[in-house]
């Protein structure tokens, strides 16, 4: 049990003990784990980006990927720590990769994002939304609308970030995650 797990469990025990209307200890502890992993990942990304002079870009990447991921979903690693490390690496790579400002590259990134979102969104999202199954298709259209509306900003950072998020819901990426899960568990 790592330090985040221990801290989450202690806070959850306190919360459950002092709040008779709270969720179960397991649910509360899991919620705190997710929260702490997310906060630490974002803080780490922002700190590294501050030192490299890319703080503004990091903020754009973090906000962009989180907004699109809420409606498009994605694959998840079983380990919270593994997920945090991978997310921090993704945030930092997207922050520090600079795409040459060529209109055709921008159009290709946006076009592929729309295609991937149309084919695969939303992915693994049912447990996070309390929607009727027939309403999930609306999330797909919200995700596509976000990509299309972002075209007006003509931001390569946002285009690359949206492309990566759209790519992350494809079957190829899902198999890649499954491969890493097997390696981590062996």
Protein backbone atom coordinates (compact mmCIF):
# COMPACT_ATOMS: atom_id res chain seq x y z
CA UNK A 1 0.00 0.00 0.00
CA UNK A 2 1.55 3.29 -1.12
CA UNK A 3 1.33 6.63 0.69
CA UNK A 4 -1.65 7.83 -1.37
CA UNK A 5 -3.58 4.67 -0.53
CA UNK A 6 -2.80 5.04 3.18
CA UNK A 7 -3.75 8.72 3.23
CA UNK A 8 -6.96 8.06 1.31
CA UNK A 9 -7.92 5.27 3.67
CA UNK A 10 -7.30 7.39 6.79
CA UNK A 11 -9.32 10.32 5.46
CA UNK A 12 -12.09 7.96 4.34
CA UNK A 13 -12.19 6.29 7.77
CA UNK A 14 -12.51 9.69 9.43
CA UNK A 15 -15.18 10.79 6.95
CA UNK A 16 -17.27 7.64 7.32
CA UNK A 17 -16.95 7.69 11.10
CA UNK A 18 -18.07 11.33 11.43
CA UNK A 19 -20.67 11.41 8.67
CA UNK A 20 -23.55 8.96 9.05
CA UNK A 21 -24.80 9.71 5.51
CA UNK A 22 -21.49 8.98 3.80
CA UNK A 23 -20.85 6.24 1.28
CA UNK A 24 -19.11 3.02 2.26
CA UNK A 25 -15.48 3.08 3.36
CA UNK A 26 -14.38 1.43 0.11
CA UNK A 27 -16.19 3.93 -2.12
CA UNK A 28 -15.02 6.93 -0.07
CA UNK A 29 -11.42 5.69 0.02
CA UNK A 30 -11.46 5.05 -3.75
CA UNK A 31 -12.80 8.56 -4.38
CA UNK A 32 -10.02 10.12 -2.33
CA UNK A 33 -7.42 7.98 -4.16
CA UNK A 34 -8.66 9.24 -7.51
CA UNK A 35 -8.68 12.82 -6.24
CA UNK A 36 -5.15 12.68 -4.78
CA UNK A 37 -3.72 10.93 -7.84
CA UNK A 38 -5.26 13.55 -10.11
CA UNK A 39 -4.07 16.49 -8.00
CA UNK A 40 -0.52 15.14 -7.71
CA UNK A 41 -0.35 14.39 -11.43
CA UNK A 42 -1.48 17.90 -12.33
CA UNK A 43 0.83 19.55 -9.78
CA UNK A 44 3.80 17.51 -10.99
CA UNK A 45 3.05 18.41 -14.61
CA UNK A 46 2.67 22.10 -13.79
CA UNK A 47 5.87 22.13 -11.72
CA UNK A 48 7.97 20.51 -14.45
CA UNK A 49 6.40 22.79 -17.05
CA UNK A 50 7.13 25.85 -14.92
CA UNK A 51 10.82 24.94 -14.89
CA UNK A 52 10.87 24.31 -18.64
CA UNK A 53 9.02 27.52 -19.44
CA UNK A 54 5.95 25.74 -20.81
CA UNK A 55 3.46 26.45 -18.00
CA UNK A 56 0.87 28.08 -20.29
CA UNK A 57 1.04 25.16 -22.72
CA UNK A 58 0.73 22.65 -19.85
CA UNK A 59 -2.43 24.35 -18.59
CA UNK A 60 -3.91 24.22 -22.11
CA UNK A 61 -3.02 20.52 -22.46
CA UNK A 62 -4.43 19.57 -19.06
CA UNK A 63 -7.70 21.45 -19.54
CA UNK A 64 -8.14 20.25 -23.14
CA UNK A 65 -7.55 16.59 -22.46
CA UNK A 66 -9.68 16.58 -19.31
CA UNK A 67 -12.63 18.29 -20.99
CA UNK A 68 -12.62 15.94 -23.98
CA UNK A 69 -12.03 12.86 -21.84
CA UNK A 70 -15.11 13.63 -19.74
CA UNK A 71 -17.36 13.16 -22.78
CA UNK A 72 -15.31 10.71 -24.88
CA UNK A 73 -14.13 8.38 -22.11
CA UNK A 74 -11.06 6.23 -22.41
CA UNK A 75 -9.21 3.21 -21.15
CA UNK A 76 -8.04 2.94 -17.56
CA UNK A 77 -5.10 1.25 -15.93
CA UNK A 78 -5.87 -0.92 -12.92
CA UNK A 79 -3.18 0.72 -10.80
CA UNK A 80 -3.78 4.27 -9.62
CA UNK A 81 -0.05 4.91 -9.40
CA UNK A 82 0.53 3.52 -12.89
CA UNK A 83 -2.28 5.68 -14.21
CA UNK A 84 -0.82 8.78 -12.55
CA UNK A 85 2.65 8.15 -13.93
CA UNK A 86 1.35 7.48 -17.43
CA UNK A 87 -0.92 10.54 -17.31
CA UNK A 88 1.95 12.78 -16.16
CA UNK A 89 4.15 11.46 -18.98
CA UNK A 90 1.37 12.06 -21.52
CA UNK A 91 0.75 15.58 -20.19
CA UNK A 92 4.46 16.40 -20.32
CA UNK A 93 5.01 14.95 -23.79
CA UNK A 94 1.99 16.82 -25.18
CA UNK A 95 3.20 19.99 -23.46
CA UNK A 96 6.70 19.80 -24.90
CA UNK A 97 5.96 18.54 -28.43
CA UNK A 98 5.68 21.43 -30.81
CA UNK A 99 4.03 20.75 -34.15
CA UNK A 100 5.21 22.73 -37.14
CA UNK A 101 2.56 25.31 -38.01
CA UNK A 102 1.43 23.79 -41.30
CA UNK A 103 -2.29 24.05 -42.09
CA UNK A 104 -2.41 20.54 -43.58
CA UNK A 105 -1.07 19.02 -40.33
CA UNK A 106 -3.74 20.89 -38.36
CA UNK A 107 -6.49 19.67 -40.69
CA UNK A 108 -5.25 16.06 -40.54
CA UNK A 109 -5.11 16.11 -36.73
CA UNK A 110 -8.62 17.56 -36.49
CA UNK A 111 -9.99 15.20 -39.15
CA UNK A 112 -8.54 12.07 -37.54
CA UNK A 113 -9.83 13.21 -34.15
CA UNK A 114 -13.35 13.54 -35.52
CA UNK A 115 -13.15 10.12 -37.24
CA UNK A 116 -11.86 8.34 -34.11
CA UNK A 117 -14.47 10.02 -31.92
CA UNK A 118 -17.24 9.14 -34.36
CA UNK A 119 -16.17 5.49 -34.49
CA UNK A 120 -15.29 4.83 -30.85
CA UNK A 121 -16.68 7.46 -28.46
CA UNK A 122 -17.80 7.20 -25.76
CA UNK A 123 -15.53 4.49 -24.32
CA UNK A 124 -15.75 3.03 -20.78
CA UNK A 125 -17.89 5.88 -19.54
CA UNK A 126 -21.09 4.20 -18.31
CA UNK A 127 -19.98 3.99 -14.70
CA UNK A 128 -19.21 7.71 -14.56
CA UNK A 129 -22.47 9.07 -15.96
CA UNK A 130 -25.97 8.34 -14.80
CA UNK A 131 -27.46 8.46 -18.26
CA UNK A 132 -29.83 6.09 -19.96
CA UNK A 133 -27.97 3.95 -22.51
CA UNK A 134 -29.71 5.62 -25.44
CA UNK A 135 -28.32 9.01 -24.30
CA UNK A 136 -24.66 7.97 -24.54
CA UNK A 137 -24.64 8.68 -28.27
CA UNK A 138 -25.11 12.36 -27.38
CA UNK A 139 -21.71 12.33 -25.66
CA UNK A 140 -20.14 11.30 -28.97
CA UNK A 141 -21.64 14.35 -30.66
CA UNK A 142 -20.56 16.66 -27.84
CA UNK A 143 -16.98 15.36 -28.22
CA UNK A 144 -17.05 15.87 -31.99
CA UNK A 145 -18.50 19.36 -31.54
CA UNK A 146 -15.67 20.22 -29.13
CA UNK A 147 -13.07 19.23 -31.73
CA UNK A 148 -14.82 21.11 -34.52
CA UNK A 149 -15.32 24.24 -32.41
CA UNK A 150 -11.67 24.15 -31.34
CA UNK A 151 -10.76 24.58 -35.01
CA UNK A 152 -11.70 28.24 -34.67
CA UNK A 153 -8.92 28.64 -32.09
CA UNK A 154 -6.40 27.22 -34.59
CA UNK A 155 -4.28 25.91 -31.71
CA UNK A 156 -1.86 23.14 -32.59
CA UNK A 157 -1.55 22.32 -28.89
CA UNK A 158 -5.28 21.74 -28.58
CA UNK A 159 -5.41 19.87 -31.91
CA UNK A 160 -2.58 17.55 -30.85
CA UNK A 161 -4.11 17.03 -27.41
CA UNK A 162 -7.55 16.26 -28.87
CA UNK A 163 -5.93 13.93 -31.40
CA UNK A 164 -4.17 12.02 -28.64
CA UNK A 165 -7.36 11.74 -26.58
CA UNK A 166 -9.30 10.54 -29.64
CA UNK A 167 -6.52 8.05 -30.43
CA UNK A 168 -6.62 6.77 -26.84
CA UNK A 169 -10.16 5.39 -27.31
CA UNK A 170 -9.29 3.29 -30.36
CA UNK A 171 -9.00 -0.52 -30.14
CA UNK A 172 -5.27 -0.32 -30.93
CA UNK A 173 -4.66 1.87 -27.90
CA UNK A 174 -6.87 -0.38 -25.76
CA UNK A 175 -4.68 -3.36 -26.74
CA UNK A 176 -1.58 -1.34 -25.90
CA UNK A 177 -2.98 -0.62 -22.44
CA UNK A 178 -3.85 -4.30 -21.98
CA UNK A 179 -0.26 -5.20 -22.90
CA UNK A 180 1.11 -2.83 -20.25
CA UNK A 181 -1.36 -4.20 -17.69
CA UNK A 182 -0.09 -7.74 -18.32
CA UNK A 183 3.54 -6.64 -18.02
CA UNK A 184 2.82 -4.76 -14.80
CA UNK A 185 1.05 -7.75 -13.26
CA UNK A 186 3.72 -10.32 -14.20
